């Protein structure tokens, strides 16, 4: 399976540094992740550790005024709820929620 993923990246003209990605083996049904293909994971901690290690932090300025890019997920005329839209936070902080940093 891993060779097929490498082939896909090559077919998509990936750069050399994009081919150096972490590989984790997970079982979503039982909620485990591991770096060892032959080992059984205990929890999802390896997955979360990989996200923290490899995904760069947001570039927005937390001290700037709050800026959101909002996308509507439904075109219904029925009243809206918070489940009908999503957003991308560009800058600032939602003062109603604790900081994630």
Protein backbone atom coordinates (compact mmCIF):
# COMPACT_ATOMS: atom_id res chain seq x y z
CA UNK A 1 0.00 0.00 0.00
CA UNK A 2 2.80 2.43 0.84
CA UNK A 3 4.36 1.95 -2.61
CA UNK A 4 1.02 2.84 -4.20
CA UNK A 5 0.95 6.06 -2.21
CA UNK A 6 4.47 6.94 -3.35
CA UNK A 7 3.44 6.19 -6.96
CA UNK A 8 0.42 8.49 -6.57
CA UNK A 9 2.61 11.33 -5.29
CA UNK A 10 5.01 10.83 -8.20
CA UNK A 11 2.11 10.79 -10.68
CA UNK A 12 0.97 14.10 -9.17
CA UNK A 13 4.46 15.58 -9.76
CA UNK A 14 5.18 15.92 -6.05
CA UNK A 15 8.39 17.62 -5.03
CA UNK A 16 11.15 15.64 -3.33
CA UNK A 17 10.38 17.05 0.11
CA UNK A 18 6.71 16.06 -0.26
CA UNK A 19 7.73 12.41 -0.56
CA UNK A 20 9.17 12.54 2.95
CA UNK A 21 5.91 12.17 4.88
CA UNK A 22 5.23 10.39 8.16
CA UNK A 23 3.55 6.99 7.98
CA UNK A 24 1.18 5.92 10.73
CA UNK A 25 -1.00 2.85 10.96
CA UNK A 26 -4.39 3.46 12.51
CA UNK A 27 -7.53 1.59 13.40
CA UNK A 28 -10.39 4.09 13.65
CA UNK A 29 -12.86 1.52 14.94
CA UNK A 30 -10.90 0.86 18.10
CA UNK A 31 -9.16 4.26 18.22
CA UNK A 32 -5.49 3.30 17.96
CA UNK A 33 -2.46 4.52 16.01
CA UNK A 34 1.12 3.29 15.81
CA UNK A 35 4.31 3.90 13.83
CA UNK A 36 5.04 0.17 13.70
CA UNK A 37 3.12 -1.74 10.98
CA UNK A 38 3.37 -4.96 13.01
CA UNK A 39 2.55 -3.42 16.37
CA UNK A 40 -0.78 -2.77 17.98
CA UNK A 41 -1.39 0.78 19.08
CA UNK A 42 -2.76 1.64 22.48
CA UNK A 43 -4.44 4.97 21.68
CA UNK A 44 -4.38 7.81 19.14
CA UNK A 45 -1.47 9.63 20.79
CA UNK A 46 1.01 8.84 17.93
CA UNK A 47 -1.40 10.43 15.45
CA UNK A 48 -1.82 13.59 17.52
CA UNK A 49 1.94 13.79 18.10
CA UNK A 50 2.51 13.57 14.33
CA UNK A 51 0.03 16.38 13.69
CA UNK A 52 1.73 18.63 16.24
CA UNK A 53 5.18 17.78 14.84
CA UNK A 54 4.45 18.04 11.10
CA UNK A 55 1.58 20.53 10.66
CA UNK A 56 2.72 24.16 10.86
CA UNK A 57 0.88 26.47 13.25
CA UNK A 58 -1.53 29.07 11.86
CA UNK A 59 0.06 32.23 10.48
CA UNK A 60 -2.60 34.65 11.67
CA UNK A 61 -1.96 37.37 14.23
CA UNK A 62 -3.86 36.48 17.43
CA UNK A 63 -3.73 40.13 18.57
CA UNK A 64 -5.43 41.44 15.41
CA UNK A 65 -9.21 41.91 15.18
CA UNK A 66 -11.09 38.66 14.58
CA UNK A 67 -11.33 37.79 10.86
CA UNK A 68 -13.38 34.83 9.60
CA UNK A 69 -13.98 33.43 6.15
CA UNK A 70 -17.44 31.86 6.39
CA UNK A 71 -18.82 29.23 4.01
CA UNK A 72 -22.47 28.24 3.84
CA UNK A 73 -22.94 24.47 3.72
CA UNK A 74 -26.63 24.47 2.82
CA UNK A 75 -28.79 26.46 0.41
CA UNK A 76 -32.08 25.78 2.19
CA UNK A 77 -34.49 28.61 3.06
CA UNK A 78 -35.08 27.05 6.48
CA UNK A 79 -33.74 28.83 9.58
CA UNK A 80 -29.99 28.44 10.02
CA UNK A 81 -28.15 26.78 12.87
CA UNK A 82 -24.47 26.66 13.74
CA UNK A 83 -24.26 23.31 11.92
CA UNK A 84 -25.10 24.85 8.53
CA UNK A 85 -21.86 26.78 8.10
CA UNK A 86 -18.16 26.50 8.68
CA UNK A 87 -15.38 29.02 8.92
CA UNK A 88 -11.66 29.53 8.56
CA UNK A 89 -10.18 31.80 11.19
CA UNK A 90 -7.63 34.15 9.58
CA UNK A 91 -6.59 36.34 12.51
CA UNK A 92 -7.59 37.32 16.02
CA UNK A 93 -9.12 35.15 18.69
CA UNK A 94 -12.63 34.10 19.56
CA UNK A 95 -12.73 35.47 23.09
CA UNK A 96 -15.53 33.03 24.01
CA UNK A 97 -13.13 30.06 23.67
CA UNK A 98 -9.74 29.48 25.32
CA UNK A 99 -6.65 29.87 23.12
CA UNK A 100 -5.37 26.64 21.51
CA UNK A 101 -1.72 27.71 21.52
